[in-house]
Amino acid sequence: MMHQPSASGRRKSSLKPWMIAIIIAAVVVGLAIITSLPVYFLVFDQKFHYYLTSFQIPSIEYSPDFSVEYSKNRTDLKQKISNQIDEIFQRSNLNRHYIKSHAFNFRSSNNDLKTDVLLKFQFAPNKADTVKRQADDILHQKLKLNESFLKIDTPLPYLRDMNEAKAEHILHSYCGLGRELPSMERIADGSVAKKADWPWQASLQVDGVHFCGASLISEEWLLTAAHCFDNYKNPKLWMASFGTTLSPPLMRREVQSIIIHENYAAHKHDDDIAAVKLSTPVIFSDEVHRVCLPDATFEALPESKVFVTGWGALKANGHFPNTLREVKVEIISNDICNRVSVYGGAVSSGMICAGFLRGKLDACEGDSGGPLVIARDRNIWYLIGIVSWGIDCGKENKPGVYTKVTRYRDWIKSKTNI
């Protein structure tokens, strides 16, 4: 009898299904590793590199207005410079490496305008010399062709290397750059702040324990409430902490000096403002930089949307959270706040009311000294109030009362030169 072949015409495999699955998985993993290596070296091995350069702008005459931080002339010129440099590099063979430019330090030079510009690139470290030389050549070629209003500032070395910390400090040196205008809730029952939303917020601490909030207004100065120092006036006892969490802090600084308003008295609420000088200036970054101070003439109108932030209790006599919280409230006119049913005339012209007469949303214990901010042009945040006092937390007809920063603008200038 002839041998009958199997229907498939093939021998059965000796490998079990689970063994085949393991082999396939191993092959897939191997291929993934092989294909990911080039991606790693192309992306993850790349570092940020920063170069400083200077330009003359002979077509524009210098004006003191160019030194005013958010003046229209300065803002428009910064944008024009950025657009010009963006166009130059985005149309070059460095377009994959170029990140951004940042114009700063506008000054006069023989009646012409001069500015420093920081250039940010990203590439592998072994390309540093090549990219720097190419960037230098690209700028020289474009600017020598008289196609740009920018001219090379020839007396200086052209592209100068700058370390990352110093460069990022410059990039974040402008005030009021925080969160974009959002949807929100509250501190005393509110919402956790996201990293870098409120980068001027500081915690003032004694022996590592949070006592008060404060606002960074320069590399070395904070504004806070005078009543924070009713019990501890010695600056050596205090420490300032930065970042959205109390523990661990992103950055800490010792306090050098505390300046309490001369007319402040602990038994009353007027002149509740103090300036705190840090022993060591902070290095600005995306997560730590200063808030803007408004002009003395600025008025926040009733019903304006404003934010208050802090690590204060979520309810009266409650515990302090570890993560910074935020609340959106409204400005309430002093006339309304001084009604008999509210604060009965206790709110002076040096104070601002903010919250809601229905209660609920409010600052609370531990938020004292912290910022009340308002967003103005281009989402730039200004410090208009300092958490000062109130009755209970979120109680009906008892909104928060804040020290009015504009009222103390001259005092702030006299103590900090800001």
Protein backbone atom coordinates (compact mmCIF):
# COMPACT_ATOMS: atom_id res chain seq x y z
CA MET A 1 0.00 0.00 0.00
CA MET A 2 1.31 3.35 -0.94
CA HIS A 3 2.08 5.82 1.90
CA GLN A 4 -0.60 8.46 2.01
CA PRO A 5 0.90 11.98 2.37
CA SER A 6 -0.61 14.40 4.88
CA ALA A 7 -3.27 16.71 3.57
CA SER A 8 -1.00 19.71 4.00
CA GLY A 9 1.89 18.17 2.22
CA ARG A 10 4.18 19.43 5.02
CA ARG A 11 5.52 18.10 8.28
CA LYS A 12 3.99 19.51 11.45
CA SER A 13 6.07 22.08 13.35
CA SER A 14 7.69 20.91 16.58
CA LEU A 15 7.40 24.46 18.07
CA LYS A 16 4.61 25.12 20.49
CA PRO A 17 2.38 28.23 19.93
CA TRP A 18 3.73 29.92 23.10
CA MET A 19 7.31 29.44 21.86
CA ILE A 20 6.43 31.08 18.55
CA ALA A 21 4.86 34.01 20.41
CA ILE A 22 8.07 34.50 22.45
CA ILE A 23 10.23 34.46 19.30
CA ILE A 24 7.98 37.00 17.55
CA ALA A 25 8.02 39.25 20.62
CA ALA A 26 11.82 39.03 20.82
CA VAL A 27 12.14 39.97 17.15
CA VAL A 28 9.77 42.94 17.60
CA VAL A 29 11.68 44.18 20.64
CA GLY A 30 14.98 43.78 18.82
CA LEU A 31 13.74 45.75 15.84
CA ALA A 32 12.37 48.45 18.15
CA ILE A 33 15.75 48.82 19.85
CA ILE A 34 17.61 48.96 16.55
CA THR A 35 15.27 51.56 15.05
CA SER A 36 15.13 53.66 18.24
CA LEU A 37 18.90 54.11 18.50
CA PRO A 38 19.11 56.59 15.60
CA VAL A 39 16.11 58.45 17.05
CA TYR A 40 17.85 58.64 20.43
CA PHE A 41 21.03 60.08 18.97
CA LEU A 42 19.09 62.44 16.71
CA VAL A 43 16.76 63.77 19.42
CA PHE A 44 17.84 62.94 22.96
CA ASP A 45 21.53 63.62 22.45
CA GLN A 46 20.77 67.15 21.29
CA LYS A 47 21.42 70.02 23.70
CA PHE A 48 20.44 73.66 23.80
CA HIS A 49 23.17 76.14 22.85
CA TYR A 50 23.04 79.90 23.34
CA TYR A 51 24.89 82.71 21.58
CA LEU A 52 24.94 86.40 22.37
CA THR A 53 25.33 88.98 19.63
CA SER A 54 24.72 92.71 19.17
CA PHE A 55 23.16 94.74 16.39
CA GLN A 56 23.03 98.38 15.47
CA ILE A 57 19.76 99.78 14.12
CA PRO A 58 20.80 103.00 12.34
CA SER A 59 17.36 103.56 10.83
CA ILE A 60 15.85 104.15 14.30
CA GLU A 61 16.83 106.94 16.64
CA TYR A 62 17.23 106.04 20.30
CA SER A 63 14.42 107.06 22.65
CA PRO A 64 14.15 106.46 26.42
CA ASP A 65 10.87 104.71 25.62
CA PHE A 66 12.92 101.73 24.40
CA SER A 67 14.04 101.17 27.99
CA VAL A 68 10.47 100.95 29.30
CA GLU A 69 9.74 97.23 29.68
CA TYR A 70 6.38 96.92 27.94
CA SER A 71 6.20 100.18 25.99
CA LYS A 72 4.61 99.88 22.55
CA ASN A 73 7.79 101.04 20.80
CA ARG A 74 9.92 98.46 22.58
CA THR A 75 7.41 95.63 22.12
CA ASP A 76 6.92 96.36 18.42
CA LEU A 77 10.67 96.60 17.79
CA LYS A 78 11.37 93.36 19.68
CA GLN A 79 8.81 91.61 17.48
CA LYS A 80 10.31 93.13 14.32
CA ILE A 81 13.81 91.97 15.29
CA SER A 82 12.55 88.49 16.15
CA ASN A 83 10.67 88.21 12.83
CA GLN A 84 13.78 89.27 10.91
CA ILE A 85 16.09 86.78 12.61
CA ASP A 86 13.47 84.01 12.41
CA GLU A 87 13.21 84.56 8.67
CA ILE A 88 16.99 84.49 8.21
CA PHE A 89 17.50 81.17 9.99
CA GLN A 90 14.28 79.45 8.95
CA ARG A 91 15.32 79.93 5.33
CA SER A 92 18.83 78.62 5.98
CA ASN A 93 20.36 75.17 6.35
CA LEU A 94 20.18 75.66 10.15
CA ASN A 95 16.39 75.77 10.18
CA ARG A 96 16.20 72.41 12.03
CA HIS A 97 18.52 73.66 14.76
CA TYR A 98 17.30 77.23 15.26
CA ILE A 99 14.84 77.69 18.17
CA LYS A 100 14.32 81.40 18.85
CA SER A 101 15.84 84.84 19.33
CA HIS A 102 15.37 87.32 22.15
CA ALA A 103 16.23 91.03 21.88
CA PHE A 104 17.02 92.91 25.09
CA ASN A 105 19.13 95.74 26.52
CA PHE A 106 18.21 98.53 24.09
CA ARG A 107 20.65 101.44 24.38
CA SER A 108 22.04 104.49 22.59
CA SER A 109 25.19 104.39 20.48
CA ASN A 110 26.18 107.66 18.79
CA ASN A 111 22.47 108.54 18.53
CA ASP A 112 21.80 105.20 16.85
CA LEU A 113 19.91 102.41 18.56
CA LYS A 114 21.79 99.30 19.64
CA THR A 115 20.48 96.04 21.07
CA ASP A 116 21.80 92.74 22.35
CA VAL A 117 20.18 89.58 21.00
CA LEU A 118 20.28 86.09 22.45
CA LEU A 119 20.07 83.22 19.94
CA LYS A 120 18.93 79.74 21.00
CA PHE A 121 19.77 76.60 19.00
CA GLN A 122 19.48 72.86 19.59
CA PHE A 123 21.97 70.31 18.25
CA ALA A 124 24.37 67.55 19.27
CA PRO A 125 27.43 68.77 21.21
CA ASN A 126 29.86 67.50 18.58
CA LYS A 127 28.36 69.98 16.08
CA ALA A 128 29.02 73.06 18.22
CA ASP A 129 31.91 74.51 16.23
CA THR A 130 30.25 73.80 12.87
CA VAL A 131 26.86 75.29 13.78
CA LYS A 132 28.38 78.36 15.40
CA ARG A 133 30.51 79.05 12.31
CA GLN A 134 27.53 78.50 9.99
CA ALA A 135 25.30 80.78 12.06
CA ASP A 136 27.96 83.48 12.01
CA ASP A 137 28.36 83.17 8.23
CA ILE A 138 24.59 83.23 7.63
CA LEU A 139 24.12 86.42 9.64
CA HIS A 140 27.09 88.15 7.99
CA GLN A 141 25.90 87.26 4.49
CA LYS A 142 22.31 88.38 5.05
CA LEU A 143 23.11 91.58 6.91
CA LYS A 144 25.85 92.68 4.50
CA LEU A 145 23.40 92.51 1.62
CA ASN A 146 21.52 95.49 3.08
CA GLU A 147 18.38 93.35 3.11
CA SER A 148 17.90 93.98 6.82
CA PHE A 149 17.41 97.01 9.05
CA LEU A 150 19.85 95.29 11.46
CA LYS A 151 23.59 95.96 11.11
CA ILE A 152 26.45 94.00 12.61
CA ASP A 153 28.00 95.63 15.68
CA THR A 154 31.55 95.23 14.38
CA PRO A 155 33.65 96.31 17.42
CA LEU A 156 32.53 93.20 19.33
CA PRO A 157 33.24 89.50 18.77
CA TYR A 158 30.22 88.35 16.82
CA LEU A 159 28.66 85.21 18.28
CA ARG A 160 29.65 84.73 21.91
CA ASP A 161 28.86 81.51 23.79
CA MET A 162 26.68 81.83 26.87
CA ASN A 163 26.00 79.15 29.48
CA GLU A 164 22.46 77.82 29.83
CA ALA A 165 21.65 79.20 33.30
CA LYS A 166 22.67 82.75 32.39
CA ALA A 167 20.90 82.56 29.02
CA GLU A 168 17.64 81.24 30.51
CA HIS A 169 17.86 83.97 33.17
CA ILE A 170 17.88 86.56 30.37
CA LEU A 171 15.09 84.81 28.45
CA HIS A 172 12.89 84.93 31.57
CA SER A 173 13.94 88.37 32.77
CA TYR A 174 10.71 90.02 31.63
CA CYS A 175 8.05 90.45 34.29
CA GLY A 176 4.59 88.98 34.42
CA LEU A 177 5.06 85.98 32.14
CA GLY A 178 2.90 83.25 33.64
CA ARG A 179 -0.21 81.32 32.80
CA GLU A 180 -2.46 82.12 29.88
CA LEU A 181 -5.89 83.40 30.85
CA PRO A 182 -7.77 80.36 32.04
CA SER A 183 -10.86 78.83 33.53
CA MET A 184 -10.60 78.47 37.32
CA GLU A 185 -11.86 77.96 40.84
CA ARG A 186 -10.37 78.64 44.30
CA ILE A 187 -7.79 78.38 47.13
CA ALA A 188 -10.07 77.72 50.08
CA ASP A 189 -11.74 75.02 47.99
CA GLY A 190 -10.14 75.42 44.76
CA SER A 191 -7.70 74.27 42.25
CA VAL A 192 -4.09 73.14 42.20
CA ALA A 193 -1.77 75.49 40.33
CA LYS A 194 0.22 74.09 37.42
CA LYS A 195 3.98 74.35 37.26
CA ALA A 196 5.20 77.75 35.96
CA ASP A 197 1.71 79.32 36.04
CA TRP A 198 2.57 81.66 38.93
CA PRO A 199 6.40 81.78 38.90
CA TRP A 200 6.64 84.84 41.18
CA GLN A 201 4.96 83.08 44.11
CA ALA A 202 7.21 82.50 47.13
CA SER A 203 6.70 80.91 50.54
CA LEU A 204 8.15 82.66 53.59
CA GLN A 205 9.14 80.11 56.21
CA VAL A 206 10.50 79.85 59.75
CA ASP A 207 12.32 76.61 60.59
CA GLY A 208 11.01 75.11 57.35
CA VAL A 209 7.38 75.84 58.27
CA HIS A 210 5.28 77.92 55.85
CA PHE A 211 4.04 81.16 57.42
CA CYS A 212 3.18 83.55 54.57
CA GLY A 213 3.14 84.02 50.83
CA ALA A 214 5.16 86.65 48.96
CA SER A 215 5.71 87.91 45.41
CA LEU A 216 9.05 88.10 43.59
CA ILE A 217 9.43 91.58 42.05
CA SER A 218 13.13 91.39 41.09
CA GLU A 219 16.10 89.05 41.37
CA GLU A 220 16.45 89.86 45.07
CA TRP A 221 13.27 91.56 46.33
CA LEU A 222 9.92 90.18 47.52
CA LEU A 223 6.75 92.01 48.51
CA THR A 224 4.60 90.64 51.30
CA ALA A 225 2.38 91.71 54.20
CA ALA A 226 3.83 93.50 57.23
CA HIS A 227 1.68 91.45 59.62
CA CYS A 228 3.64 88.33 58.65
CA PHE A 229 6.42 89.63 60.91
CA ASP A 230 4.35 90.49 63.99
CA ASN A 231 5.99 87.62 65.93
CA TYR A 232 9.30 87.05 64.12
CA LYS A 233 11.15 90.16 62.98
CA ASN A 234 14.71 88.82 62.79
CA PRO A 235 15.54 88.18 59.10
CA LYS A 236 17.95 85.38 60.06
CA LEU A 237 14.96 83.27 61.13
CA TRP A 238 13.35 83.44 57.70
CA MET A 239 13.81 81.52 54.47
CA ALA A 240 12.13 82.03 51.09
CA SER A 241 11.09 78.98 49.08
CA PHE A 242 10.13 78.88 45.38
CA GLY A 243 8.30 76.38 43.18
CA THR A 244 4.78 74.98 43.32
CA THR A 245 5.46 72.57 46.21
CA LEU A 246 6.60 73.39 49.72
CA SER A 247 8.34 70.03 49.94
CA PRO A 248 10.50 69.52 48.05
CA PRO A 249 11.13 73.18 47.14
CA LEU A 250 12.41 74.06 43.70
CA MET A 251 14.74 76.73 45.11
CA ARG A 252 15.44 78.30 48.50
CA ARG A 253 17.04 81.58 49.54
CA GLU A 254 17.99 83.02 52.91
CA VAL A 255 16.57 86.42 53.86
CA GLN A 256 18.98 89.32 54.27
CA SER A 257 16.67 92.07 55.47
CA ILE A 258 13.01 92.88 56.15
CA ILE A 259 11.62 96.40 55.64
CA ILE A 260 8.23 96.96 57.27
CA HIS A 261 6.20 100.05 56.37
CA GLU A 262 6.96 102.77 58.89
CA ASN A 263 3.26 103.45 59.64
CA TYR A 264 2.24 99.84 60.12
CA ALA A 265 0.89 98.89 63.52
CA ALA A 266 -0.11 95.36 64.52
CA HIS A 267 -3.44 96.45 66.02
CA LYS A 268 -4.72 97.86 62.71
CA HIS A 269 -4.82 96.82 59.04
CA ASP A 270 -3.49 99.97 57.33
CA ASP A 271 -0.06 100.04 55.63
CA ASP A 272 0.15 96.25 55.73
CA ILE A 273 3.13 95.94 53.40
CA ALA A 274 6.76 94.85 53.72
CA ALA A 275 9.72 94.39 51.38
CA VAL A 276 12.03 91.40 51.86
CA LYS A 277 15.57 91.34 50.44
CA LEU A 278 17.11 87.95 49.64
CA SER A 279 20.70 87.18 50.63
CA THR A 280 21.42 85.74 47.17
CA PRO A 281 19.64 86.78 43.95
CA VAL A 282 17.50 84.11 42.28
CA ILE A 283 18.29 82.81 38.81
CA PHE A 284 15.24 83.35 36.62
CA SER A 285 13.84 80.36 34.79
CA ASP A 286 10.53 79.18 33.36
CA GLU A 287 9.40 78.31 36.91
CA VAL A 288 10.84 81.25 38.88
CA HIS A 289 10.66 84.85 37.72
CA ARG A 290 9.13 88.16 38.67
CA VAL A 291 5.67 89.69 38.48
CA CYS A 292 5.09 93.18 37.03
CA LEU A 293 4.33 96.17 39.24
CA PRO A 294 1.58 98.48 37.95
CA ASP A 295 1.91 102.25 37.60
CA ALA A 296 0.58 104.23 40.54
CA THR A 297 -2.29 105.45 38.35
CA PHE A 298 -3.64 101.98 37.47
CA GLU A 299 -7.11 101.10 38.80
CA ALA A 300 -8.65 97.64 38.69
CA LEU A 301 -12.33 98.18 37.98
CA PRO A 302 -15.09 96.45 39.97
CA GLU A 303 -15.95 92.98 38.61
CA SER A 304 -12.48 92.64 37.02
CA LYS A 305 -11.33 89.00 37.08
CA VAL A 306 -8.25 88.56 39.26
CA PHE A 307 -6.34 85.64 40.80
CA VAL A 308 -5.00 84.99 44.25
CA THR A 309 -2.56 82.14 44.94
CA GLY A 310 -1.05 80.52 48.00
CA TRP A 311 -0.49 77.53 50.26
CA GLY A 312 -3.09 78.70 52.78
CA ALA A 313 -5.66 76.51 54.49
CA LEU A 314 -8.52 75.13 52.42
CA LYS A 315 -10.94 76.19 55.18
CA ALA A 316 -10.80 78.10 58.45
CA ASN A 317 -8.45 76.34 60.89
CA GLY A 318 -7.64 73.77 58.20
CA HIS A 319 -4.25 72.31 57.28
CA PHE A 320 -1.87 73.87 54.74
CA PRO A 321 -1.61 71.98 51.43
CA ASN A 322 1.81 71.07 50.04
CA THR A 323 0.98 72.19 46.50
CA LEU A 324 0.27 75.80 45.48
CA ARG A 325 -3.40 76.56 44.87
CA GLU A 326 -5.17 79.29 42.92
CA VAL A 327 -8.55 80.98 42.88
CA LYS A 328 -10.26 83.34 40.45
CA VAL A 329 -12.19 86.11 42.19
CA GLU A 330 -13.62 89.52 41.30
CA ILE A 331 -12.77 93.04 42.39
CA ILE A 332 -15.48 94.46 44.68
CA SER A 333 -15.75 98.23 44.99
CA ASN A 334 -14.75 99.77 48.32
CA ASP A 335 -18.21 101.36 48.52
CA ILE A 336 -19.83 97.93 48.54
CA CYS A 337 -17.19 96.53 50.88
CA ASN A 338 -17.82 99.33 53.35
CA ARG A 339 -21.55 98.61 53.64
CA VAL A 340 -22.72 97.93 57.18
CA SER A 341 -23.53 94.33 56.20
CA VAL A 342 -20.00 93.79 54.88
CA TYR A 343 -17.09 95.56 56.63
CA GLY A 344 -18.86 98.67 57.91
CA GLY A 345 -16.32 101.27 56.83
CA ALA A 346 -13.16 99.34 57.77
CA VAL A 347 -11.82 99.23 54.18
CA SER A 348 -9.59 102.26 53.55
CA SER A 349 -8.38 103.76 50.25
CA GLY A 350 -5.14 101.78 50.62
CA MET A 351 -7.03 98.49 50.40
CA ILE A 352 -8.78 96.43 47.71
CA CYS A 353 -11.68 94.01 48.23
CA ALA A 354 -11.79 90.87 46.10
CA GLY A 355 -13.98 87.79 46.21
CA PHE A 356 -17.76 87.35 46.14
CA LEU A 357 -20.42 88.55 48.57
CA ARG A 358 -21.97 85.09 48.37
CA GLY A 359 -18.73 83.74 49.86
CA LYS A 360 -17.19 80.37 48.99
CA LEU A 361 -14.17 81.53 46.96
CA ASP A 362 -11.52 83.30 49.02
CA ALA A 363 -8.00 83.42 50.38
CA CYS A 364 -7.51 81.90 53.84
CA GLU A 365 -5.05 81.51 56.74
CA GLY A 366 -1.52 81.06 55.41
CA ASP A 367 -2.21 82.97 52.20
CA SER A 368 -1.24 86.25 53.93
CA GLY A 369 1.36 88.26 52.03
CA GLY A 370 0.66 86.43 48.78
CA PRO A 371 -0.21 87.97 45.41
CA LEU A 372 -3.46 89.23 43.96
CA VAL A 373 -2.75 89.59 40.23
CA ILE A 374 -4.53 90.82 37.12
CA ALA A 375 -3.72 90.09 33.48
CA ARG A 376 -3.35 93.05 31.15
CA ASP A 377 -2.08 93.39 27.57
CA ARG A 378 -0.78 90.16 26.04
CA ASN A 379 -1.44 88.13 29.18
CA ILE A 380 1.13 90.03 31.23
CA TRP A 381 0.40 89.69 34.95
CA TYR A 382 0.54 92.63 37.37
CA LEU A 383 0.60 92.59 41.16
CA ILE A 384 -2.28 94.76 42.37
CA GLY A 385 -2.87 93.38 45.85
CA ILE A 386 -1.22 91.67 48.83
CA VAL A 387 -3.32 89.27 50.94
CA SER A 388 -3.95 91.24 54.13
CA TRP A 389 -7.08 90.45 56.18
CA GLY A 390 -10.69 89.28 56.26
CA ILE A 391 -13.22 87.62 58.54
CA ASP A 392 -13.20 83.84 58.33
CA CYS A 393 -12.59 82.18 54.92
CA GLY A 394 -15.17 82.30 52.17
CA LYS A 395 -17.86 83.57 54.52
CA GLU A 396 -20.93 85.33 53.06
CA ASN A 397 -20.50 89.15 52.93
CA LYS A 398 -16.89 88.82 54.11
CA PRO A 399 -14.63 88.89 51.02
CA GLY A 400 -10.85 89.09 51.21
CA VAL A 401 -9.18 92.47 51.77
CA TYR A 402 -5.82 93.20 50.14
CA THR A 403 -3.17 95.89 50.48
CA LYS A 404 -3.50 98.09 47.37
CA VAL A 405 -0.10 97.96 45.67
CA THR A 406 -0.61 101.07 43.52
CA ARG A 407 -1.14 103.11 46.69
CA TYR A 408 2.37 102.11 47.83
CA ARG A 409 4.16 102.41 44.51
CA ASP A 410 6.36 105.31 45.71
CA TRP A 411 7.16 103.49 48.96
CA ILE A 412 8.21 100.37 47.03
CA LYS A 413 10.43 102.47 44.77
CA SER A 414 12.06 104.23 47.73
CA LYS A 415 12.95 100.92 49.43
CA THR A 416 13.84 98.69 46.47
CA ASN A 417 14.53 101.09 43.58
CA ILE A 418 11.98 99.13 41.50
